[in-house]
Amino acid sequence: MTKNLQSGILAVVIGLAYLVGTFNIPVFDAADEVGPRAFPYLIAAIVIICGAALIVNDLRSSERKPFSWGFAANSGVWLRILATIVIGITFGLVLDSLGYLIAMFLFMLLVSSMINVGRLKQNLIIAVTFSLVSFIAFAVILKLSLPRGLLSGFLPF
């Protein structure tokens, strides 16, 4: 199988899974006309269409070179990708209990430490800055509700 065919199949599967998950989003009578499912439906449709386009274009192509993802040759890269996925899932699991600021700080510190190895001071600055700026942008300026977690008694807004 070629890279485009593999990527297209993966995109269609992920898009379908996202579409199925969208059906589980509750819809309330007080919601706006568009509803909470519109954007996820759009994203699912775009992913499925792009995946299908990759598959069709690959099957029509006369140049179909087999592709290897290079797991053995590039194991370090794949381990970092796996670690990032695990850190991201852990972030989602601890977000409510720790709160956005602490969870995002830890997420950014761990991910930036994998990319920017040996530069703890720089990674701390990145983690603190990103956490604070994104929190201020979303919670303060846009007035979105983000989990306060352990800092709920300390945050004035």
C-alpha atoms as a PDB file:
ATOM      1  CA  MET A   1       0.000   0.000   0.000  1.00  0.00           C
ATOM      2  CA  THR A   2       1.126   3.524  -0.703  1.00  0.00           C
ATOM      3  CA  LYS A   3       1.358   6.330   1.823  1.00  0.00           C
ATOM      4  CA  ASN A   4      -1.638   8.174   0.359  1.00  0.00           C
ATOM      5  CA  LEU A   5      -3.779   5.044   0.410  1.00  0.00           C
ATOM      6  CA  GLN A   6      -2.842   4.301   4.033  1.00  0.00           C
ATOM      7  CA  SER A   7      -3.374   7.920   5.056  1.00  0.00           C
ATOM      8  CA  GLY A   8      -6.688   8.093   3.202  1.00  0.00           C
ATOM      9  CA  ILE A   9      -8.014   4.944   4.875  1.00  0.00           C
ATOM     10  CA  LEU A  10      -6.895   6.233   8.284  1.00  0.00           C
ATOM     11  CA  ALA A  11      -8.544   9.626   7.645  1.00  0.00           C
ATOM     12  CA  VAL A  12     -11.844   8.009   6.623  1.00  0.00           C
ATOM     13  CA  VAL A  13     -11.823   5.753   9.708  1.00  0.00           C
ATOM     14  CA  ILE A  14     -11.023   8.672  12.044  1.00  0.00           C
ATOM     15  CA  GLY A  15     -13.636  10.868  10.338  1.00  0.00           C
ATOM     16  CA  LEU A  16     -16.283   8.168  10.714  1.00  0.00           C
ATOM     17  CA  ALA A  17     -15.375   7.654  14.381  1.00  0.00           C
ATOM     18  CA  TYR A  18     -15.611  11.414  14.926  1.00  0.00           C
ATOM     19  CA  LEU A  19     -18.972  11.470  13.153  1.00  0.00           C
ATOM     20  CA  VAL A  20     -20.302   8.662  15.368  1.00  0.00           C
ATOM     21  CA  GLY A  21     -19.026  10.507  18.445  1.00  0.00           C
ATOM     22  CA  THR A  22     -20.811  13.658  17.292  1.00  0.00           C
ATOM     23  CA  PHE A  23     -24.157  11.884  17.625  1.00  0.00           C
ATOM     24  CA  ASN A  24     -23.473  11.611  21.381  1.00  0.00           C
ATOM     25  CA  ILE A  25     -23.330  15.400  21.834  1.00  0.00           C
ATOM     26  CA  PRO A  26     -26.508  16.413  23.681  1.00  0.00           C
ATOM     27  CA  VAL A  27     -28.783  18.947  22.021  1.00  0.00           C
ATOM     28  CA  PHE A  28     -30.893  21.188  24.249  1.00  0.00           C
ATOM     29  CA  ASP A  29     -34.032  23.040  23.284  1.00  0.00           C
ATOM     30  CA  ALA A  30     -32.494  26.304  24.493  1.00  0.00           C
ATOM     31  CA  ALA A  31     -29.542  25.925  22.120  1.00  0.00           C
ATOM     32  CA  ASP A  32     -29.074  28.259  19.191  1.00  0.00           C
ATOM     33  CA  GLU A  33     -30.390  27.404  15.728  1.00  0.00           C
ATOM     34  CA  VAL A  34     -27.134  25.870  14.563  1.00  0.00           C
ATOM     35  CA  GLY A  35     -26.724  23.690  17.632  1.00  0.00           C
ATOM     36  CA  PRO A  36     -23.646  22.159  19.205  1.00  0.00           C
ATOM     37  CA  ARG A  37     -23.261  19.430  16.556  1.00  0.00           C
ATOM     38  CA  ALA A  38     -22.799  21.633  13.486  1.00  0.00           C
ATOM     39  CA  PHE A  39     -19.060  22.236  13.773  1.00  0.00           C
ATOM     40  CA  PRO A  40     -18.202  18.603  14.633  1.00  0.00           C
ATOM     41  CA  TYR A  41     -20.325  17.444  11.658  1.00  0.00           C
ATOM     42  CA  LEU A  42     -18.403  19.839   9.439  1.00  0.00           C
ATOM     43  CA  ILE A  43     -15.027  18.618  10.704  1.00  0.00           C
ATOM     44  CA  ALA A  44     -16.042  14.968  10.279  1.00  0.00           C
ATOM     45  CA  ALA A  45     -17.262  15.616   6.744  1.00  0.00           C
ATOM     46  CA  ILE A  46     -14.066  17.441   5.767  1.00  0.00           C
ATOM     47  CA  VAL A  47     -11.858  14.651   7.164  1.00  0.00           C
ATOM     48  CA  ILE A  48     -13.904  11.933   5.426  1.00  0.00           C
ATOM     49  CA  ILE A  49     -13.921  13.818   2.101  1.00  0.00           C
ATOM     50  CA  CYS A  50     -10.167  14.470   2.254  1.00  0.00           C
ATOM     51  CA  GLY A  51      -9.484  10.820   3.111  1.00  0.00           C
ATOM     52  CA  ALA A  52     -11.721   9.631   0.280  1.00  0.00           C
ATOM     53  CA  ALA A  53      -9.981  12.027  -2.121  1.00  0.00           C
ATOM     54  CA  LEU A  54      -6.588  10.600  -1.113  1.00  0.00           C
ATOM     55  CA  ILE A  55      -7.852   7.066  -1.722  1.00  0.00           C
ATOM     56  CA  VAL A  56      -9.419   7.863  -5.110  1.00  0.00           C
ATOM     57  CA  ASN A  57      -6.392   9.840  -6.324  1.00  0.00           C
ATOM     58  CA  ASP A  58      -4.049   7.082  -5.236  1.00  0.00           C
ATOM     59  CA  LEU A  59      -6.068   4.346  -6.919  1.00  0.00           C
ATOM     60  CA  ARG A  60      -6.179   6.382 -10.160  1.00  0.00           C
ATOM     61  CA  SER A  61      -2.448   7.137 -10.089  1.00  0.00           C
ATOM     62  CA  SER A  62      -0.144   5.229 -12.409  1.00  0.00           C
ATOM     63  CA  GLU A  63       2.819   5.698 -10.054  1.00  0.00           C
ATOM     64  CA  ARG A  64       2.079   3.631  -6.961  1.00  0.00           C
ATOM     65  CA  LYS A  65       5.197   3.103  -4.885  1.00  0.00           C
ATOM     66  CA  PRO A  66       4.992   0.903  -1.778  1.00  0.00           C
ATOM     67  CA  PHE A  67       5.606   2.824   1.416  1.00  0.00           C
ATOM     68  CA  SER A  68       7.030   1.877   4.779  1.00  0.00           C
ATOM     69  CA  TRP A  69       6.432   4.044   7.829  1.00  0.00           C
ATOM     70  CA  GLY A  70       9.961   3.258   9.039  1.00  0.00           C
ATOM     71  CA  PHE A  71       9.116   2.219  12.573  1.00  0.00           C
ATOM     72  CA  ALA A  72      12.407   0.343  13.016  1.00  0.00           C
ATOM     73  CA  ALA A  73      14.628   2.904  11.303  1.00  0.00           C
ATOM     74  CA  ASN A  74      13.117   5.920  13.073  1.00  0.00           C
ATOM     75  CA  SER A  75      12.128   4.426  16.410  1.00  0.00           C
ATOM     76  CA  GLY A  76      13.163   7.542  18.358  1.00  0.00           C
ATOM     77  CA  VAL A  77      10.748   9.731  16.412  1.00  0.00           C
ATOM     78  CA  TRP A  78       7.901   7.242  16.810  1.00  0.00           C
ATOM     79  CA  LEU A  79       8.564   6.930  20.545  1.00  0.00           C
ATOM     80  CA  ARG A  80       8.326  10.722  20.885  1.00  0.00           C
ATOM     81  CA  ILE A  81       5.061  10.700  18.947  1.00  0.00           C
ATOM     82  CA  LEU A  82       3.714   7.961  21.214  1.00  0.00           C
ATOM     83  CA  ALA A  83       4.883   9.871  24.309  1.00  0.00           C
ATOM     84  CA  THR A  84       3.137  13.019  23.049  1.00  0.00           C
ATOM     85  CA  ILE A  85      -0.093  11.060  22.558  1.00  0.00           C
ATOM     86  CA  VAL A  86       0.163   9.603  26.068  1.00  0.00           C
ATOM     87  CA  ILE A  87       0.879  13.051  27.535  1.00  0.00           C
ATOM     88  CA  GLY A  88      -2.101  14.497  25.613  1.00  0.00           C
ATOM     89  CA  ILE A  89      -4.451  11.799  26.867  1.00  0.00           C
ATOM     90  CA  THR A  90      -3.161  12.281  30.412  1.00  0.00           C
ATOM     91  CA  PHE A  91      -3.729  16.037  30.013  1.00  0.00           C
ATOM     92  CA  GLY A  92      -7.363  15.360  29.156  1.00  0.00           C
ATOM     93  CA  LEU A  93      -7.781  13.023  32.112  1.00  0.00           C
ATOM     94  CA  VAL A  94      -6.350  15.419  34.721  1.00  0.00           C
ATOM     95  CA  LEU A  95      -7.728  18.654  33.248  1.00  0.00           C
ATOM     96  CA  ASP A  96     -10.768  18.897  35.524  1.00  0.00           C
ATOM     97  CA  SER A  97      -9.001  17.917  38.728  1.00  0.00           C
ATOM     98  CA  LEU A  98      -5.823  19.988  38.271  1.00  0.00           C
ATOM     99  CA  GLY A  99      -7.407  22.827  36.319  1.00  0.00           C
ATOM    100  CA  TYR A 100      -6.460  24.333  32.979  1.00  0.00           C
ATOM    101  CA  LEU A 101      -3.475  26.380  34.143  1.00  0.00           C
ATOM    102  CA  ILE A 102      -1.669  23.579  35.989  1.00  0.00           C
ATOM    103  CA  ALA A 103      -2.538  20.868  33.451  1.00  0.00           C
ATOM    104  CA  MET A 104      -1.490  23.039  30.487  1.00  0.00           C
ATOM    105  CA  PHE A 105       1.727  24.056  32.254  1.00  0.00           C
ATOM    106  CA  LEU A 106       2.645  20.401  32.843  1.00  0.00           C
ATOM    107  CA  PHE A 107       1.650  19.406  29.302  1.00  0.00           C
ATOM    108  CA  MET A 108       3.722  22.180  27.719  1.00  0.00           C
ATOM    109  CA  LEU A 109       6.683  21.518  30.011  1.00  0.00           C
ATOM    110  CA  LEU A 110       6.747  17.804  29.183  1.00  0.00           C
ATOM    111  CA  VAL A 111       6.262  18.238  25.442  1.00  0.00           C
ATOM    112  CA  SER A 112       8.741  21.100  25.120  1.00  0.00           C
ATOM    113  CA  SER A 113      11.262  19.124  27.180  1.00  0.00           C
ATOM    114  CA  MET A 114      11.047  16.290  24.644  1.00  0.00           C
ATOM    115  CA  ILE A 115      11.614  18.695  21.755  1.00  0.00           C
ATOM    116  CA  ASN A 116      13.990  21.151  23.430  1.00  0.00           C
ATOM    117  CA  VAL A 117      16.131  18.691  25.374  1.00  0.00           C
ATOM    118  CA  GLY A 118      18.343  20.000  28.189  1.00  0.00           C
ATOM    119  CA  ARG A 119      16.967  23.545  28.282  1.00  0.00           C
ATOM    120  CA  LEU A 120      14.870  23.509  31.436  1.00  0.00           C
ATOM    121  CA  LYS A 121      14.828  27.294  31.919  1.00  0.00           C
ATOM    122  CA  GLN A 122      13.657  27.912  28.351  1.00  0.00           C
ATOM    123  CA  ASN A 123      11.054  25.126  28.629  1.00  0.00           C
ATOM    124  CA  LEU A 124       9.722  26.585  31.891  1.00  0.00           C
ATOM    125  CA  ILE A 125       9.385  30.014  30.270  1.00  0.00           C
ATOM    126  CA  ILE A 126       7.535  28.470  27.306  1.00  0.00           C
ATOM    127  CA  ALA A 127       5.211  26.464  29.565  1.00  0.00           C
ATOM    128  CA  VAL A 128       4.377  29.387  31.872  1.00  0.00           C
ATOM    129  CA  THR A 129       3.920  31.876  29.025  1.00  0.00           C
ATOM    130  CA  PHE A 130       1.741  29.599  26.903  1.00  0.00           C
ATOM    131  CA  SER A 131      -0.406  28.576  29.874  1.00  0.00           C
ATOM    132  CA  LEU A 132      -0.997  32.137  31.051  1.00  0.00           C
ATOM    133  CA  VAL A 133      -1.529  33.690  27.614  1.00  0.00           C
ATOM    134  CA  SER A 134      -3.941  30.972  26.481  1.00  0.00           C
ATOM    135  CA  PHE A 135      -5.827  31.115  29.796  1.00  0.00           C
ATOM    136  CA  ILE A 136      -6.156  34.896  29.600  1.00  0.00           C
ATOM    137  CA  ALA A 137      -7.239  34.716  25.951  1.00  0.00           C
ATOM    138  CA  PHE A 138      -9.888  32.054  26.486  1.00  0.00           C
ATOM    139  CA  ALA A 139     -11.073  32.534  30.087  1.00  0.00           C
ATOM    140  CA  VAL A 140     -10.707  36.284  30.541  1.00  0.00           C
ATOM    141  CA  ILE A 141     -11.048  37.877  27.111  1.00  0.00           C
ATOM    142  CA  LEU A 142     -13.408  35.374  25.452  1.00  0.00           C
ATOM    143  CA  LYS A 143     -15.099  34.514  28.757  1.00  0.00           C
ATOM    144  CA  LEU A 144     -15.019  30.768  28.087  1.00  0.00           C
ATOM    145  CA  SER A 145     -15.355  28.443  31.031  1.00  0.00           C
ATOM    146  CA  LEU A 146     -12.108  26.585  31.662  1.00  0.00           C
ATOM    147  CA  PRO A 147     -11.600  24.203  34.584  1.00  0.00           C
ATOM    148  CA  ARG A 148     -10.128  26.032  37.596  1.00  0.00           C
ATOM    149  CA  GLY A 149      -9.166  22.844  39.469  1.00  0.00           C
ATOM    150  CA  LEU A 150      -6.756  23.308  42.347  1.00  0.00           C
ATOM    151  CA  LEU A 151      -6.576  27.078  41.746  1.00  0.00           C
ATOM    152  CA  SER A 152     -10.342  27.692  42.006  1.00  0.00           C
ATOM    153  CA  GLY A 153      -9.969  29.557  45.326  1.00  0.00           C
ATOM    154  CA  PHE A 154      -7.089  31.702  44.062  1.00  0.00           C
ATOM    155  CA  LEU A 155      -8.380  32.907  40.700  1.00  0.00           C
ATOM    156  CA  PRO A 156     -10.402  36.148  40.925  1.00  0.00           C
ATOM    157  CA  PHE A 157     -12.233  35.599  37.640  1.00  0.00           C
END
